[in-house]
PDB file of N, CA and C in Angstrom:
ATOM      1  N   UNK A   1      13.404   4.814  -1.545  1.00  0.00           N
ATOM      2  CA  UNK A   1      12.304   3.853  -1.842  1.00  0.00           C
ATOM      3  C   UNK A   1      11.049   4.913  -1.563  1.00  0.00           C
ATOM      4  N   UNK A   2       9.954   4.759  -2.868  1.00  0.00           N
ATOM      5  CA  UNK A   2       9.017   5.285  -2.613  1.00  0.00           C
ATOM      6  C   UNK A   2       7.752   4.483  -2.342  1.00  0.00           C
ATOM      7  N   UNK A   3       6.240   5.197  -1.536  1.00  0.00           N
ATOM      8  CA  UNK A   3       5.579   4.129  -1.513  1.00  0.00           C
ATOM      9  C   UNK A   3       4.503   4.544  -2.160  1.00  0.00           C
ATOM     10  N   UNK A   4       3.228   3.748  -2.474  1.00  0.00           N
ATOM     11  CA  UNK A   4       2.249   3.608  -3.403  1.00  0.00           C
ATOM     12  C   UNK A   4       0.868   3.060  -2.380  1.00  0.00           C
ATOM     13  N   UNK A   5       0.052   3.958  -2.254  1.00  0.00           N
ATOM     14  CA  UNK A   5      -0.943   3.134  -1.665  1.00  0.00           C
ATOM     15  C   UNK A   5      -2.161   2.924  -2.725  1.00  0.00           C
ATOM     16  N   UNK A   6      -2.609   1.814  -2.767  1.00  0.00           N
ATOM     17  CA  UNK A   6      -3.837   1.760  -3.846  1.00  0.00           C
ATOM     18  C   UNK A   6      -5.127   2.011  -2.951  1.00  0.00           C
ATOM     19  N   UNK A   7      -6.250   2.703  -3.382  1.00  0.00           N
ATOM     20  CA  UNK A   7      -7.513   3.177  -2.749  1.00  0.00           C
ATOM     21  C   UNK A   7      -8.364   3.727  -3.665  1.00  0.00           C
ATOM     22  N   UNK A   8      -9.453   4.177  -3.013  1.00  0.00           N
ATOM     23  CA  UNK A   8     -10.639   4.627  -3.996  1.00  0.00           C
ATOM     24  C   UNK A   8     -11.308   5.769  -2.945  1.00  0.00           C
ATOM     25  N   UNK A   9     -11.947   6.516  -3.446  1.00  0.00           N
ATOM     26  CA  UNK A   9     -12.994   7.677  -2.840  1.00  0.00           C
ATOM     27  C   UNK A   9     -13.725   6.844  -1.667  1.00  0.00           C
ATOM     28  N   UNK A  10     -13.857   7.505  -0.608  1.00  0.00           N
ATOM     29  CA  UNK A  10     -15.039   7.074   0.392  1.00  0.00           C
ATOM     30  C   UNK A  10     -14.551   5.940   1.067  1.00  0.00           C
ATOM     31  N   UNK A  11     -13.376   5.513   0.974  1.00  0.00           N
ATOM     32  CA  UNK A  11     -12.726   4.199   1.613  1.00  0.00           C
ATOM     33  C   UNK A  11     -12.261   4.438   2.980  1.00  0.00           C
ATOM     34  N   UNK A  12     -13.116   4.293   3.967  1.00  0.00           N
ATOM     35  CA  UNK A  12     -12.485   4.597   5.551  1.00  0.00           C
ATOM     36  C   UNK A  12     -11.201   3.593   5.612  1.00  0.00           C
ATOM     37  N   UNK A  13     -11.179   2.402   5.239  1.00  0.00           N
ATOM     38  CA  UNK A  13     -10.169   1.631   5.697  1.00  0.00           C
ATOM     39  C   UNK A  13      -8.968   2.339   4.855  1.00  0.00           C
ATOM     40  N   UNK A  14      -9.166   2.658   3.985  1.00  0.00           N
ATOM     41  CA  UNK A  14      -7.853   3.477   3.110  1.00  0.00           C
ATOM     42  C   UNK A  14      -7.697   4.364   3.918  1.00  0.00           C
ATOM     43  N   UNK A  15      -8.366   5.467   4.446  1.00  0.00           N
ATOM     44  CA  UNK A  15      -8.151   6.526   5.405  1.00  0.00           C
ATOM     45  C   UNK A  15      -7.509   5.714   6.555  1.00  0.00           C
ATOM     46  N   UNK A  16      -7.965   5.055   7.114  1.00  0.00           N
ATOM     47  CA  UNK A  16      -7.300   4.624   8.309  1.00  0.00           C
ATOM     48  C   UNK A  16      -5.651   4.063   7.869  1.00  0.00           C
ATOM     49  N   UNK A  17      -5.463   3.264   6.788  1.00  0.00           N
ATOM     50  CA  UNK A  17      -4.539   2.989   6.229  1.00  0.00           C
ATOM     51  C   UNK A  17      -3.138   3.971   6.264  1.00  0.00           C
ATOM     52  N   UNK A  18      -3.740   5.259   5.441  1.00  0.00           N
ATOM     53  CA  UNK A  18      -2.691   6.250   5.563  1.00  0.00           C
ATOM     54  C   UNK A  18      -2.557   6.735   6.250  1.00  0.00           C
ATOM     55  N   UNK A  19      -3.308   6.780   7.721  1.00  0.00           N
ATOM     56  CA  UNK A  19      -3.193   7.678   8.566  1.00  0.00           C
ATOM     57  C   UNK A  19      -1.888   6.629   9.409  1.00  0.00           C
ATOM     58  N   UNK A  20      -2.368   5.420   9.610  1.00  0.00           N
ATOM     59  CA  UNK A  20      -1.148   4.503   9.886  1.00  0.00           C
ATOM     60  C   UNK A  20      -0.098   4.571   9.250  1.00  0.00           C
ATOM     61  N   UNK A  21       0.183   4.626   8.270  1.00  0.00           N
ATOM     62  CA  UNK A  21       1.629   4.673   7.546  1.00  0.00           C
ATOM     63  C   UNK A  21       2.079   6.139   7.616  1.00  0.00           C
ATOM     64  N   UNK A  22       1.509   7.016   8.012  1.00  0.00           N
ATOM     65  CA  UNK A  22       2.273   8.418   8.101  1.00  0.00           C
ATOM     66  C   UNK A  22       2.759   8.293   9.638  1.00  0.00           C
ATOM     67  N   UNK A  23       2.060   7.613  10.756  1.00  0.00           N
ATOM     68  CA  UNK A  23       2.428   7.200  11.702  1.00  0.00           C
ATOM     69  C   UNK A  23       3.771   6.610  12.293  1.00  0.00           C
ATOM     70  N   UNK A  24       4.059   5.591  10.913  1.00  0.00           N
ATOM     71  CA  UNK A  24       5.142   4.791  10.721  1.00  0.00           C
ATOM     72  C   UNK A  24       6.212   5.426  10.183  1.00  0.00           C
ATOM     73  N   UNK A  25       6.298   6.204   8.822  1.00  0.00           N
ATOM     74  CA  UNK A  25       6.984   6.446   8.083  1.00  0.00           C
ATOM     75  C   UNK A  25       6.869   7.981   7.513  1.00  0.00           C
ATOM     76  N   UNK A  26       7.878   8.806   7.333  1.00  0.00           N
ATOM     77  CA  UNK A  26       7.649  10.357   6.431  1.00  0.00           C
ATOM     78  C   UNK A  26       7.975   9.997   4.937  1.00  0.00           C
ATOM     79  N   UNK A  27       8.177   8.897   4.374  1.00  0.00           N
ATOM     80  CA  UNK A  27       8.238   8.621   2.999  1.00  0.00           C
ATOM     81  C   UNK A  27       6.820   8.990   2.349  1.00  0.00           C
ATOM     82  N   UNK A  28       7.225   9.556   1.105  1.00  0.00           N
ATOM     83  CA  UNK A  28       6.359  10.152   0.624  1.00  0.00           C
ATOM     84  C   UNK A  28       5.364   8.938   0.115  1.00  0.00           C
ATOM     85  N   UNK A  29       3.872   9.183  -0.061  1.00  0.00           N
ATOM     86  CA  UNK A  29       3.118   8.297  -0.182  1.00  0.00           C
ATOM     87  C   UNK A  29       2.130   8.602  -1.338  1.00  0.00           C
ATOM     88  N   UNK A  30       2.205   7.930  -2.561  1.00  0.00           N
ATOM     89  CA  UNK A  30       1.405   8.536  -3.936  1.00  0.00           C
ATOM     90  C   UNK A  30       0.291   7.368  -3.399  1.00  0.00           C
ATOM     91  N   UNK A  31      -0.805   8.068  -3.645  1.00  0.00           N
ATOM     92  CA  UNK A  31      -1.929   7.652  -3.278  1.00  0.00           C
ATOM     93  C   UNK A  31      -2.690   7.156  -5.020  1.00  0.00           C
ATOM     94  N   UNK A  32      -2.967   6.058  -5.406  1.00  0.00           N
ATOM     95  CA  UNK A  32      -3.397   5.707  -6.629  1.00  0.00           C
ATOM     96  C   UNK A  32      -5.303   5.201  -6.340  1.00  0.00           C
ATOM     97  N   UNK A  33      -5.640   5.783  -7.179  1.00  0.00           N
ATOM     98  CA  UNK A  33      -7.330   5.495  -6.932  1.00  0.00           C
ATOM     99  C   UNK A  33      -7.692   4.566  -8.029  1.00  0.00           C
ATOM    100  N   UNK A  34      -7.986   3.299  -7.579  1.00  0.00           N
ATOM    101  CA  UNK A  34      -8.161   2.224  -8.634  1.00  0.00           C
ATOM    102  C   UNK A  34      -9.396   2.197  -9.518  1.00  0.00           C
ATOM    103  N   UNK A  35     -10.460   3.262  -8.804  1.00  0.00           N
ATOM    104  CA  UNK A  35     -11.163   2.886  -9.947  1.00  0.00           C
ATOM    105  C   UNK A  35     -10.906   4.052 -11.306  1.00  0.00           C
ATOM    106  N   UNK A  36     -10.080   4.584 -11.352  1.00  0.00           N
ATOM    107  CA  UNK A  36      -9.372   5.510 -12.654  1.00  0.00           C
ATOM    108  C   UNK A  36      -8.756   4.106 -13.892  1.00  0.00           C
ATOM    109  N   UNK A  37      -8.953   3.044 -13.244  1.00  0.00           N
ATOM    110  CA  UNK A  37      -8.256   2.279 -14.259  1.00  0.00           C
ATOM    111  C   UNK A  37      -9.075   0.931 -14.262  1.00  0.00           C
ATOM    112  N   UNK A  38      -9.644   0.024 -15.087  1.00  0.00           N
ATOM    113  CA  UNK A  38     -10.387  -1.033 -15.258  1.00  0.00           C
ATOM    114  C   UNK A  38      -9.096  -2.209 -14.490  1.00  0.00           C
ATOM    115  N   UNK A  39      -8.056  -2.114 -15.001  1.00  0.00           N
ATOM    116  CA  UNK A  39      -6.921  -2.826 -14.672  1.00  0.00           C
ATOM    117  C   UNK A  39      -6.780  -2.915 -12.994  1.00  0.00           C
ATOM    118  N   UNK A  40      -6.848  -1.661 -12.717  1.00  0.00           N
ATOM    119  CA  UNK A  40      -6.448  -1.539 -11.083  1.00  0.00           C
ATOM    120  C   UNK A  40      -7.600  -1.886 -10.479  1.00  0.00           C
ATOM    121  N   UNK A  41      -8.796  -1.615 -10.965  1.00  0.00           N
ATOM    122  CA  UNK A  41     -10.217  -2.013 -10.240  1.00  0.00           C
ATOM    123  C   UNK A  41      -9.906  -3.667 -10.312  1.00  0.00           C
ATOM    124  N   UNK A  42      -9.440  -4.317 -11.473  1.00  0.00           N
ATOM    125  CA  UNK A  42      -9.802  -5.677 -11.414  1.00  0.00           C
ATOM    126  C   UNK A  42      -8.979  -6.146 -10.384  1.00  0.00           C
ATOM    127  N   UNK A  43      -7.480  -5.770 -10.153  1.00  0.00           N
ATOM    128  CA  UNK A  43      -6.457  -6.317  -9.415  1.00  0.00           C
ATOM    129  C   UNK A  43      -6.564  -6.020  -8.045  1.00  0.00           C
ATOM    130  N   UNK A  44      -7.238  -4.852  -7.917  1.00  0.00           N
ATOM    131  CA  UNK A  44      -7.248  -4.178  -6.351  1.00  0.00           C
ATOM    132  C   UNK A  44      -8.722  -4.042  -5.561  1.00  0.00           C
ATOM    133  N   UNK A  45      -9.521  -4.307  -6.698  1.00  0.00           N
ATOM    134  CA  UNK A  45     -11.383  -3.894  -6.307  1.00  0.00           C
ATOM    135  C   UNK A  45     -11.635  -4.891  -4.566  1.00  0.00           C
ATOM    136  N   UNK A  46     -11.138  -6.116  -4.783  1.00  0.00           N
ATOM    137  CA  UNK A  46     -11.536  -6.152  -3.200  1.00  0.00           C
ATOM    138  C   UNK A  46     -10.276  -6.588  -2.191  1.00  0.00           C
ATOM    139  N   UNK A  47      -9.088  -5.855  -2.582  1.00  0.00           N
ATOM    140  CA  UNK A  47      -8.118  -6.082  -1.664  1.00  0.00           C
ATOM    141  C   UNK A  47      -7.597  -5.013  -0.914  1.00  0.00           C
ATOM    142  N   UNK A  48      -8.147  -3.747  -1.447  1.00  0.00           N
ATOM    143  CA  UNK A  48      -7.750  -2.191  -0.785  1.00  0.00           C
ATOM    144  C   UNK A  48      -8.042  -1.979   0.634  1.00  0.00           C
ATOM    145  N   UNK A  49      -7.114  -1.248   1.249  1.00  0.00           N
ATOM    146  CA  UNK A  49      -6.305  -0.620   0.586  1.00  0.00           C
ATOM    147  C   UNK A  49      -5.276  -1.872   0.552  1.00  0.00           C
ATOM    148  N   UNK A  50      -4.120  -1.166  -0.395  1.00  0.00           N
ATOM    149  CA  UNK A  50      -2.868  -2.184  -0.465  1.00  0.00           C
ATOM    150  C   UNK A  50      -1.550  -1.116  -0.769  1.00  0.00           C
ATOM    151  N   UNK A  51      -0.658  -1.476   0.215  1.00  0.00           N
ATOM    152  CA  UNK A  51       0.514  -0.644   0.175  1.00  0.00           C
ATOM    153  C   UNK A  51       1.709  -1.291  -0.721  1.00  0.00           C
ATOM    154  N   UNK A  52       2.356  -0.429  -1.720  1.00  0.00           N
ATOM    155  CA  UNK A  52       3.283  -1.092  -2.653  1.00  0.00           C
ATOM    156  C   UNK A  52       4.380  -0.348  -2.206  1.00  0.00           C
ATOM    157  N   UNK A  53       5.727  -1.341  -2.118  1.00  0.00           N
ATOM    158  CA  UNK A  53       7.047  -0.686  -2.350  1.00  0.00           C
ATOM    159  C   UNK A  53       7.413  -0.281  -3.692  1.00  0.00           C
ATOM    160  N   UNK A  54       7.394   0.874  -4.347  1.00  0.00           N
ATOM    161  CA  UNK A  54       7.787   1.041  -5.638  1.00  0.00           C
ATOM    162  C   UNK A  54       9.400   0.373  -6.090  1.00  0.00           C
ATOM    163  N   UNK A  55      10.235   0.148  -5.190  1.00  0.00           N
ATOM    164  CA  UNK A  55      11.601   0.031  -5.315  1.00  0.00           C
ATOM    165  C   UNK A  55      11.400  -1.704  -5.936  1.00  0.00           C
ATOM    166  N   UNK A  56      10.904  -2.663  -5.041  1.00  0.00           N
ATOM    167  CA  UNK A  56      10.635  -4.060  -5.211  1.00  0.00           C
ATOM    168  C   UNK A  56       9.096  -4.333  -6.256  1.00  0.00           C
ATOM    169  N   UNK A  57       8.421  -3.457  -5.727  1.00  0.00           N
ATOM    170  CA  UNK A  57       6.963  -3.934  -6.069  1.00  0.00           C
ATOM    171  C   UNK A  57       6.251  -4.816  -5.355  1.00  0.00           C
ATOM    172  N   UNK A  58       7.130  -4.934  -3.990  1.00  0.00           N
ATOM    173  CA  UNK A  58       6.122  -6.087  -2.837  1.00  0.00           C
ATOM    174  C   UNK A  58       4.993  -5.265  -2.471  1.00  0.00           C
ATOM    175  N   UNK A  59       4.249  -5.878  -1.875  1.00  0.00           N
ATOM    176  CA  UNK A  59       2.858  -5.560  -1.422  1.00  0.00           C
ATOM    177  C   UNK A  59       2.311  -5.707  -0.043  1.00  0.00           C
ATOM    178  N   UNK A  60       1.811  -4.847   0.392  1.00  0.00           N
ATOM    179  CA  UNK A  60       1.212  -5.369   1.837  1.00  0.00           C
ATOM    180  C   UNK A  60      -0.321  -5.351   1.817  1.00  0.00           C
ATOM    181  N   UNK A  61      -0.799  -6.365   1.983  1.00  0.00           N
ATOM    182  CA  UNK A  61      -2.672  -5.845   1.956  1.00  0.00           C
ATOM    183  C   UNK A  61      -3.103  -6.028   3.191  1.00  0.00           C
ATOM    184  N   UNK A  62      -4.212  -4.977   3.328  1.00  0.00           N
ATOM    185  CA  UNK A  62      -4.855  -4.600   4.792  1.00  0.00           C
ATOM    186  C   UNK A  62      -5.600  -6.065   4.717  1.00  0.00           C
ATOM    187  N   UNK A  63      -5.429  -6.346   6.485  1.00  0.00           N
ATOM    188  CA  UNK A  63      -5.399  -5.471   7.199  1.00  0.00           C
ATOM    189  C   UNK A  63      -3.761  -5.692   7.920  1.00  0.00           C
ATOM    190  N   UNK A  64      -3.172  -4.453   8.190  1.00  0.00           N
ATOM    191  CA  UNK A  64      -1.870  -4.080   8.594  1.00  0.00           C
ATOM    192  C   UNK A  64      -1.874  -3.286   9.985  1.00  0.00           C
ATOM    193  N   UNK A  65      -1.046  -3.529  10.552  1.00  0.00           N
ATOM    194  CA  UNK A  65      -0.489  -2.765  11.642  1.00  0.00           C
ATOM    195  C   UNK A  65       0.678  -1.767  11.588  1.00  0.00           C
ATOM    196  N   UNK A  66       0.702  -0.983  12.677  1.00  0.00           N
ATOM    197  CA  UNK A  66       2.334  -0.211  12.467  1.00  0.00           C
ATOM    198  C   UNK A  66       3.522  -1.377  12.636  1.00  0.00           C
ATOM    199  N   UNK A  67       3.598  -2.168  13.158  1.00  0.00           N
ATOM    200  CA  UNK A  67       4.418  -3.152  13.189  1.00  0.00           C
ATOM    201  C   UNK A  67       4.686  -3.844  11.862  1.00  0.00           C
ATOM    202  N   UNK A  68       3.508  -4.060  11.488  1.00  0.00           N
ATOM    203  CA  UNK A  68       3.707  -4.768   9.900  1.00  0.00           C
ATOM    204  C   UNK A  68       4.292  -4.121   8.919  1.00  0.00           C
ATOM    205  N   UNK A  69       3.946  -2.721   9.285  1.00  0.00           N
ATOM    206  CA  UNK A  69       4.196  -1.638   8.043  1.00  0.00           C
ATOM    207  C   UNK A  69       5.855  -1.380   8.486  1.00  0.00           C
ATOM    208  N   UNK A  70       6.022  -1.183   9.770  1.00  0.00           N
ATOM    209  CA  UNK A  70       7.578  -1.090   9.569  1.00  0.00           C
ATOM    210  C   UNK A  70       8.624  -2.087   9.307  1.00  0.00           C
ATOM    211  N   UNK A  71       8.151  -3.416   9.609  1.00  0.00           N
ATOM    212  CA  UNK A  71       8.786  -4.481   8.985  1.00  0.00           C
ATOM    213  C   UNK A  71       8.693  -4.678   7.498  1.00  0.00           C
ATOM    214  N   UNK A  72       7.742  -4.302   6.618  1.00  0.00           N
ATOM    215  CA  UNK A  72       7.268  -4.158   5.160  1.00  0.00           C
ATOM    216  C   UNK A  72       8.501  -3.360   4.945  1.00  0.00           C
ATOM    217  N   UNK A  73       8.828  -2.005   5.456  1.00  0.00           N
ATOM    218  CA  UNK A  73       9.324  -0.874   5.102  1.00  0.00           C
ATOM    219  C   UNK A  73      11.119  -1.082   5.433  1.00  0.00           C
ATOM    220  N   UNK A  74      11.117  -1.768   6.136  1.00  0.00           N
ATOM    221  CA  UNK A  74      12.716  -2.333   6.713  1.00  0.00           C
ATOM    222  C   UNK A  74      13.479  -2.685   5.352  1.00  0.00           C
ATOM    223  N   UNK A  75      14.852  -2.354   5.152  1.00  0.00           N
ATOM    224  CA  UNK A  75      15.391  -2.907   4.098  1.00  0.00           C
ATOM    225  C   UNK A  75      15.578  -4.348   4.105  1.00  0.00           C
ATOM    226  N   UNK A  76      15.238  -4.848   3.062  1.00  0.00           N
ATOM    227  CA  UNK A  76      15.514  -6.517   3.051  1.00  0.00           C
ATOM    228  C   UNK A  76      15.668  -6.959   1.585  1.00  0.00           C
ATOM    229  N   UNK A  77      16.285  -8.291   1.218  1.00  0.00           N
ATOM    230  CA  UNK A  77      15.959  -8.425  -0.215  1.00  0.00           C
ATOM    231  C   UNK A  77      14.830  -8.525  -0.870  1.00  0.00           C
ATOM    232  N   UNK A  78      14.615  -8.285  -1.881  1.00  0.00           N
ATOM    233  CA  UNK A  78      13.585  -8.296  -2.580  1.00  0.00           C
ATOM    234  C   UNK A  78      12.820  -9.787  -2.856  1.00  0.00           C
ATOM    235  N   UNK A  79      11.722  -9.986  -2.100  1.00  0.00           N
ATOM    236  CA  UNK A  79      10.810 -11.393  -2.456  1.00  0.00           C
ATOM    237  C   UNK A  79      10.111 -11.323  -3.662  1.00  0.00           C
ATOM    238  N   UNK A  80      10.661 -11.894  -4.874  1.00  0.00           N
ATOM    239  CA  UNK A  80       9.897 -11.854  -6.157  1.00  0.00           C
ATOM    240  C   UNK A  80       8.433 -12.502  -6.162  1.00  0.00           C
ATOM    241  N   UNK A  81       8.386 -13.276  -4.907  1.00  0.00           N
ATOM    242  CA  UNK A  81       7.048 -14.042  -4.945  1.00  0.00           C
ATOM    243  C   UNK A  81       5.848 -13.281  -4.192  1.00  0.00           C
ATOM    244  N   UNK A  82       6.227 -11.819  -3.920  1.00  0.00           N
ATOM    245  CA  UNK A  82       5.254 -11.115  -3.508  1.00  0.00           C
ATOM    246  C   UNK A  82       4.759  -9.882  -4.139  1.00  0.00           C
ATOM    247  N   UNK A  83       5.532 -10.247  -5.453  1.00  0.00           N
ATOM    248  CA  UNK A  83       5.376  -8.961  -6.462  1.00  0.00           C
ATOM    249  C   UNK A  83       3.793  -9.324  -7.260  1.00  0.00           C
TER     250      UNK A  83
END
């Protein structure tokens, strides 16, 4: 499983999310700057930071804590309604 964090520059909440994720897992984290794409900016502009599992495309919107991240990362069946 790989992880993707949708973010943008100078986003203190994104920095907090990145640090929190690093405390919970050592999985590689791909940072995606939403300002690089109009489609991403439209989709995530008011939602960032958003953590995504690349295997299932499930997403976890901010605010989240360590327990929520751990539960999100636990192996479980894909829930298509969250994609």
